Amino acid sequence: MIRLDCTRVSIVIVCTDCPYWRAMRFTKHEAWKCAADHEKRTHPGLTQAQNAFTKHRAREGHAV
C-alpha cells in the first residue's frame, strides 16, 4: 500500500510493502505519479496508487 506523508513544502511517498523504498516530490500530482510508477514496476496487479493518481489528475484538470 502506498501512502503520502505531506508537509508544507514536500511529500514523501512511502510503500508499506517495501521497507526501504521512499521517494520525495513537491506536488501531489508528482507524488501520485511516482507512486503509480513504483506500483506498476514493483507490484504488478495492484492499482491503489494508479487509481489515486487518475482521480487526482481528473480533479486537478491535468492533461492526459
PDB file of N, CA and C in Angstrom:
ATOM      1  N   MET A   1       0.839  -1.179   0.000  1.00  0.00           N
ATOM      2  CA  MET A   1       0.000   0.000   0.000  1.00  0.00           C
ATOM      3  C   MET A   1       0.883   1.242   0.000  1.00  0.00           C
ATOM      4  N   ILE A   2       0.473   2.225  -0.744  1.00  0.00           N
ATOM      5  CA  ILE A   2       1.210   3.482  -0.848  1.00  0.00           C
ATOM      6  C   ILE A   2       0.523   4.531   0.013  1.00  0.00           C
ATOM      7  N   ARG A   3       1.329   5.326   0.695  1.00  0.00           N
ATOM      8  CA  ARG A   3       0.763   6.464   1.419  1.00  0.00           C
ATOM      9  C   ARG A   3       1.658   7.679   1.188  1.00  0.00           C
ATOM     10  N   LEU A   4       1.056   8.853   1.303  1.00  0.00           N
ATOM     11  CA  LEU A   4       1.789  10.101   1.148  1.00  0.00           C
ATOM     12  C   LEU A   4       1.890  10.769   2.512  1.00  0.00           C
ATOM     13  N   ASP A   5       3.091  11.129   2.903  1.00  0.00           N
ATOM     14  CA  ASP A   5       3.329  11.919   4.114  1.00  0.00           C
ATOM     15  C   ASP A   5       3.595  13.349   3.656  1.00  0.00           C
ATOM     16  N   CYS A   6       2.618  14.223   3.864  1.00  0.00           N
ATOM     17  CA  CYS A   6       2.675  15.588   3.338  1.00  0.00           C
ATOM     18  C   CYS A   6       3.109  16.594   4.401  1.00  0.00           C
ATOM     19  N   THR A   7       3.986  17.491   4.000  1.00  0.00           N
ATOM     20  CA  THR A   7       4.344  18.643   4.818  1.00  0.00           C
ATOM     21  C   THR A   7       3.994  19.887   4.006  1.00  0.00           C
ATOM     22  N   ARG A   8       4.333  21.043   4.514  1.00  0.00           N
ATOM     23  CA  ARG A   8       4.050  22.272   3.777  1.00  0.00           C
ATOM     24  C   ARG A   8       4.896  22.412   2.517  1.00  0.00           C
ATOM     25  N   VAL A   9       6.073  21.797   2.487  1.00  0.00           N
ATOM     26  CA  VAL A   9       6.982  22.006   1.356  1.00  0.00           C
ATOM     27  C   VAL A   9       7.273  20.762   0.523  1.00  0.00           C
ATOM     28  N   SER A  10       6.974  19.579   1.038  1.00  0.00           N
ATOM     29  CA  SER A  10       7.298  18.380   0.273  1.00  0.00           C
ATOM     30  C   SER A  10       6.356  17.240   0.642  1.00  0.00           C
ATOM     31  N   ILE A  11       6.453  16.187  -0.147  1.00  0.00           N
ATOM     32  CA  ILE A  11       5.642  14.994   0.068  1.00  0.00           C
ATOM     33  C   ILE A  11       6.574  13.791  -0.023  1.00  0.00           C
ATOM     34  N   VAL A  12       6.556  12.956   0.995  1.00  0.00           N
ATOM     35  CA  VAL A  12       7.320  11.715   0.980  1.00  0.00           C
ATOM     36  C   VAL A  12       6.352  10.584   0.641  1.00  0.00           C
ATOM     37  N   ILE A  13       6.714   9.805  -0.374  1.00  0.00           N
ATOM     38  CA  ILE A  13       5.912   8.679  -0.800  1.00  0.00           C
ATOM     39  C   ILE A  13       6.473   7.436  -0.118  1.00  0.00           C
ATOM     40  N   VAL A  14       5.598   6.684   0.552  1.00  0.00           N
ATOM     41  CA  VAL A  14       6.015   5.512   1.308  1.00  0.00           C
ATOM     42  C   VAL A  14       5.234   4.308   0.804  1.00  0.00           C
ATOM     43  N   CYS A  15       5.941   3.239   0.487  1.00  0.00           N
ATOM     44  CA  CYS A  15       5.307   1.971   0.134  1.00  0.00           C
ATOM     45  C   CYS A  15       5.436   1.063   1.349  1.00  0.00           C
ATOM     46  N   THR A  16       4.321   0.716   1.949  1.00  0.00           N
ATOM     47  CA  THR A  16       4.378  -0.103   3.166  1.00  0.00           C
ATOM     48  C   THR A  16       4.792  -1.544   2.883  1.00  0.00           C
ATOM     49  N   ASP A  17       4.761  -1.962   1.609  1.00  0.00           N
ATOM     50  CA  ASP A  17       5.203  -3.312   1.247  1.00  0.00           C
ATOM     51  C   ASP A  17       6.701  -3.393   0.977  1.00  0.00           C
ATOM     52  N   CYS A  18       7.349  -2.249   0.798  1.00  0.00           N
ATOM     53  CA  CYS A  18       8.780  -2.202   0.506  1.00  0.00           C
ATOM     54  C   CYS A  18       9.475  -1.446   1.641  1.00  0.00           C
ATOM     55  N   PRO A  19      10.132  -2.144   2.541  1.00  0.00           N
ATOM     56  CA  PRO A  19      10.660  -1.491   3.746  1.00  0.00           C
ATOM     57  C   PRO A  19      11.712  -0.410   3.479  1.00  0.00           C
ATOM     58  N   TYR A  20      12.372  -0.423   2.326  1.00  0.00           N
ATOM     59  CA  TYR A  20      13.443   0.545   2.092  1.00  0.00           C
ATOM     60  C   TYR A  20      13.145   1.543   0.981  1.00  0.00           C
ATOM     61  N   TRP A  21      11.993   1.435   0.316  1.00  0.00           N
ATOM     62  CA  TRP A  21      11.680   2.347  -0.786  1.00  0.00           C
ATOM     63  C   TRP A  21      10.945   3.574  -0.271  1.00  0.00           C
ATOM     64  N   ARG A  22      11.469   4.736  -0.621  1.00  0.00           N
ATOM     65  CA  ARG A  22      10.850   6.027  -0.327  1.00  0.00           C
ATOM     66  C   ARG A  22      11.165   6.948  -1.502  1.00  0.00           C
ATOM     67  N   ALA A  23      10.335   7.942  -1.694  1.00  0.00           N
ATOM     68  CA  ALA A  23      10.602   8.953  -2.715  1.00  0.00           C
ATOM     69  C   ALA A  23      10.064  10.284  -2.195  1.00  0.00           C
ATOM     70  N   MET A  24      10.546  11.375  -2.777  1.00  0.00           N
ATOM     71  CA  MET A  24      10.078  12.695  -2.370  1.00  0.00           C
ATOM     72  C   MET A  24       9.722  13.506  -3.609  1.00  0.00           C
ATOM     73  N   ARG A  25       8.609  14.210  -3.530  1.00  0.00           N
ATOM     74  CA  ARG A  25       8.171  15.097  -4.599  1.00  0.00           C
ATOM     75  C   ARG A  25       7.622  16.372  -3.964  1.00  0.00           C
ATOM     76  N   PHE A  26       7.365  17.375  -4.794  1.00  0.00           N
ATOM     77  CA  PHE A  26       6.911  18.662  -4.280  1.00  0.00           C
ATOM     78  C   PHE A  26       5.420  18.930  -4.483  1.00  0.00           C
ATOM     79  N   THR A  27       4.750  18.138  -5.323  1.00  0.00           N
ATOM     80  CA  THR A  27       3.314  18.304  -5.514  1.00  0.00           C
ATOM     81  C   THR A  27       2.626  16.943  -5.394  1.00  0.00           C
ATOM     82  N   LYS A  28       1.332  16.969  -5.082  1.00  0.00           N
ATOM     83  CA  LYS A  28       0.593  15.705  -5.000  1.00  0.00           C
ATOM     84  C   LYS A  28       0.499  15.033  -6.362  1.00  0.00           C
ATOM     85  N   HIS A  29       0.387  15.833  -7.407  1.00  0.00           N
ATOM     86  CA  HIS A  29       0.350  15.257  -8.750  1.00  0.00           C
ATOM     87  C   HIS A  29       1.623  14.454  -9.020  1.00  0.00           C
ATOM     88  N   GLU A  30       2.770  15.055  -8.767  1.00  0.00           N
ATOM     89  CA  GLU A  30       4.056  14.364  -8.956  1.00  0.00           C
ATOM     90  C   GLU A  30       4.174  13.155  -8.035  1.00  0.00           C
ATOM     91  N   ALA A  31       3.701  13.301  -6.802  1.00  0.00           N
ATOM     92  CA  ALA A  31       3.810  12.216  -5.821  1.00  0.00           C
ATOM     93  C   ALA A  31       2.988  11.005  -6.239  1.00  0.00           C
ATOM     94  N   TRP A  32       1.734  11.231  -6.653  1.00  0.00           N
ATOM     95  CA  TRP A  32       0.899  10.098  -7.059  1.00  0.00           C
ATOM     96  C   TRP A  32       1.410   9.471  -8.354  1.00  0.00           C
ATOM     97  N   LYS A  33       1.982  10.290  -9.245  1.00  0.00           N
ATOM     98  CA  LYS A  33       2.572   9.741 -10.472  1.00  0.00           C
ATOM     99  C   LYS A  33       3.753   8.835 -10.123  1.00  0.00           C
ATOM    100  N   CYS A  34       4.612   9.291  -9.228  1.00  0.00           N
ATOM    101  CA  CYS A  34       5.757   8.497  -8.773  1.00  0.00           C
ATOM    102  C   CYS A  34       5.279   7.199  -8.115  1.00  0.00           C
ATOM    103  N   ALA A  35       4.268   7.316  -7.267  1.00  0.00           N
ATOM    104  CA  ALA A  35       3.717   6.140  -6.579  1.00  0.00           C
ATOM    105  C   ALA A  35       3.140   5.147  -7.584  1.00  0.00           C
ATOM    106  N   ALA A  36       2.409   5.655  -8.580  1.00  0.00           N
ATOM    107  CA  ALA A  36       1.831   4.783  -9.594  1.00  0.00           C
ATOM    108  C   ALA A  36       2.921   4.083 -10.403  1.00  0.00           C
ATOM    109  N   ASP A  37       3.990   4.794 -10.733  1.00  0.00           N
ATOM    110  CA  ASP A  37       5.113   4.191 -11.464  1.00  0.00           C
ATOM    111  C   ASP A  37       5.777   3.091 -10.633  1.00  0.00           C
ATOM    112  N   HIS A  38       5.984   3.363  -9.340  1.00  0.00           N
ATOM    113  CA  HIS A  38       6.575   2.347  -8.454  1.00  0.00           C
ATOM    114  C   HIS A  38       5.670   1.129  -8.384  1.00  0.00           C
ATOM    115  N   GLU A  39       4.393   1.365  -8.194  1.00  0.00           N
ATOM    116  CA  GLU A  39       3.426   0.271  -8.086  1.00  0.00           C
ATOM    117  C   GLU A  39       3.427  -0.587  -9.351  1.00  0.00           C
ATOM    118  N   LYS A  40       3.455   0.062 -10.505  1.00  0.00           N
ATOM    119  CA  LYS A  40       3.446  -0.668 -11.779  1.00  0.00           C
ATOM    120  C   LYS A  40       4.699  -1.527 -11.938  1.00  0.00           C
ATOM    121  N   ARG A  41       5.865  -0.962 -11.568  1.00  0.00           N
ATOM    122  CA  ARG A  41       7.140  -1.692 -11.699  1.00  0.00           C
ATOM    123  C   ARG A  41       7.278  -2.814 -10.681  1.00  0.00           C
ATOM    124  N   THR A  42       6.896  -2.531  -9.441  1.00  0.00           N
ATOM    125  CA  THR A  42       7.241  -3.424  -8.339  1.00  0.00           C
ATOM    126  C   THR A  42       6.097  -4.327  -7.883  1.00  0.00           C
ATOM    127  N   HIS A  43       4.879  -3.869  -8.058  1.00  0.00           N
ATOM    128  CA  HIS A  43       3.712  -4.611  -7.580  1.00  0.00           C
ATOM    129  C   HIS A  43       2.668  -4.742  -8.691  1.00  0.00           C
ATOM    130  N   PRO A  44       3.010  -5.435  -9.775  1.00  0.00           N
ATOM    131  CA  PRO A  44       2.055  -5.561 -10.881  1.00  0.00           C
ATOM    132  C   PRO A  44       0.747  -6.187 -10.384  1.00  0.00           C
ATOM    133  N   GLY A  45      -0.338  -5.647 -10.878  1.00  0.00           N
ATOM    134  CA  GLY A  45      -1.647  -6.149 -10.466  1.00  0.00           C
ATOM    135  C   GLY A  45      -2.307  -5.280  -9.409  1.00  0.00           C
ATOM    136  N   LEU A  46      -1.511  -4.532  -8.647  1.00  0.00           N
ATOM    137  CA  LEU A  46      -2.092  -3.613  -7.672  1.00  0.00           C
ATOM    138  C   LEU A  46      -2.418  -2.297  -8.379  1.00  0.00           C
ATOM    139  N   THR A  47      -3.470  -1.626  -7.935  1.00  0.00           N
ATOM    140  CA  THR A  47      -3.900  -0.410  -8.634  1.00  0.00           C
ATOM    141  C   THR A  47      -4.229   0.741  -7.694  1.00  0.00           C
ATOM    142  N   GLN A  48      -3.943   0.624  -6.415  1.00  0.00           N
ATOM    143  CA  GLN A  48      -4.295   1.672  -5.459  1.00  0.00           C
ATOM    144  C   GLN A  48      -3.685   3.017  -5.835  1.00  0.00           C
ATOM    145  N   ALA A  49      -2.398   3.061  -6.116  1.00  0.00           N
ATOM    146  CA  ALA A  49      -1.733   4.322  -6.457  1.00  0.00           C
ATOM    147  C   ALA A  49      -2.168   4.829  -7.832  1.00  0.00           C
ATOM    148  N   GLN A  50      -2.323   3.932  -8.790  1.00  0.00           N
ATOM    149  CA  GLN A  50      -2.776   4.352 -10.123  1.00  0.00           C
ATOM    150  C   GLN A  50      -4.172   4.948 -10.041  1.00  0.00           C
ATOM    151  N   ASN A  51      -5.050   4.334  -9.259  1.00  0.00           N
ATOM    152  CA  ASN A  51      -6.403   4.869  -9.103  1.00  0.00           C
ATOM    153  C   ASN A  51      -6.369   6.249  -8.450  1.00  0.00           C
ATOM    154  N   ALA A  52      -5.548   6.415  -7.435  1.00  0.00           N
ATOM    155  CA  ALA A  52      -5.431   7.716  -6.767  1.00  0.00           C
ATOM    156  C   ALA A  52      -4.869   8.762  -7.726  1.00  0.00           C
ATOM    157  N   PHE A  53      -3.873   8.384  -8.529  1.00  0.00           N
ATOM    158  CA  PHE A  53      -3.290   9.306  -9.496  1.00  0.00           C
ATOM    159  C   PHE A  53      -4.333   9.741 -10.528  1.00  0.00           C
ATOM    160  N   THR A  54      -5.099   8.787 -11.033  1.00  0.00           N
ATOM    161  CA  THR A  54      -6.134   9.086 -12.024  1.00  0.00           C
ATOM    162  C   THR A  54      -7.184  10.034 -11.448  1.00  0.00           C
ATOM    163  N   LYS A  55      -7.627   9.778 -10.219  1.00  0.00           N
ATOM    164  CA  LYS A  55      -8.613  10.650  -9.572  1.00  0.00           C
ATOM    165  C   LYS A  55      -8.042  12.046  -9.347  1.00  0.00           C
ATOM    166  N   HIS A  56      -6.808  12.107  -8.893  1.00  0.00           N
ATOM    167  CA  HIS A  56      -6.179  13.408  -8.636  1.00  0.00           C
ATOM    168  C   HIS A  56      -6.022  14.182  -9.936  1.00  0.00           C
ATOM    169  N   ARG A  57      -5.581  13.515 -10.981  1.00  0.00           N
ATOM    170  CA  ARG A  57      -5.387  14.154 -12.278  1.00  0.00           C
ATOM    171  C   ARG A  57      -6.715  14.723 -12.795  1.00  0.00           C
ATOM    172  N   ALA A  58      -7.796  13.965 -12.661  1.00  0.00           N
ATOM    173  CA  ALA A  58      -9.106  14.434 -13.115  1.00  0.00           C
ATOM    174  C   ALA A  58      -9.584  15.617 -12.274  1.00  0.00           C
ATOM    175  N   ARG A  59      -9.390  15.535 -10.983  1.00  0.00           N
ATOM    176  CA  ARG A  59      -9.842  16.590 -10.079  1.00  0.00           C
ATOM    177  C   ARG A  59      -9.075  17.893 -10.323  1.00  0.00           C
ATOM    178  N   GLU A  60      -7.782  17.788 -10.588  1.00  0.00           N
ATOM    179  CA  GLU A  60      -6.951  18.968 -10.777  1.00  0.00           C
ATOM    180  C   GLU A  60      -6.968  19.476 -12.220  1.00  0.00           C
ATOM    181  N   GLY A  61      -7.568  18.716 -13.135  1.00  0.00           N
ATOM    182  CA  GLY A  61      -7.658  19.165 -14.517  1.00  0.00           C
ATOM    183  C   GLY A  61      -6.368  19.021 -15.296  1.00  0.00           C
ATOM    184  N   HIS A  62      -5.499  18.080 -14.913  1.00  0.00           N
ATOM    185  CA  HIS A  62      -4.259  17.858 -15.660  1.00  0.00           C
ATOM    186  C   HIS A  62      -4.559  17.142 -16.971  1.00  0.00           C
ATOM    187  N   ALA A  63      -3.789  17.455 -17.964  1.00  0.00           N
ATOM    188  CA  ALA A  63      -3.955  16.810 -19.263  1.00  0.00           C
ATOM    189  C   ALA A  63      -3.562  15.348 -19.179  1.00  0.00           C
ATOM    190  N   VAL A  64      -4.156  14.547 -20.017  1.00  0.00           N
ATOM    191  CA  VAL A  64      -3.887  13.104 -20.010  1.00  0.00           C
ATOM    192  C   VAL A  64      -2.563  12.810 -20.632  1.00  0.00           C
TER     193      VAL A  64
END
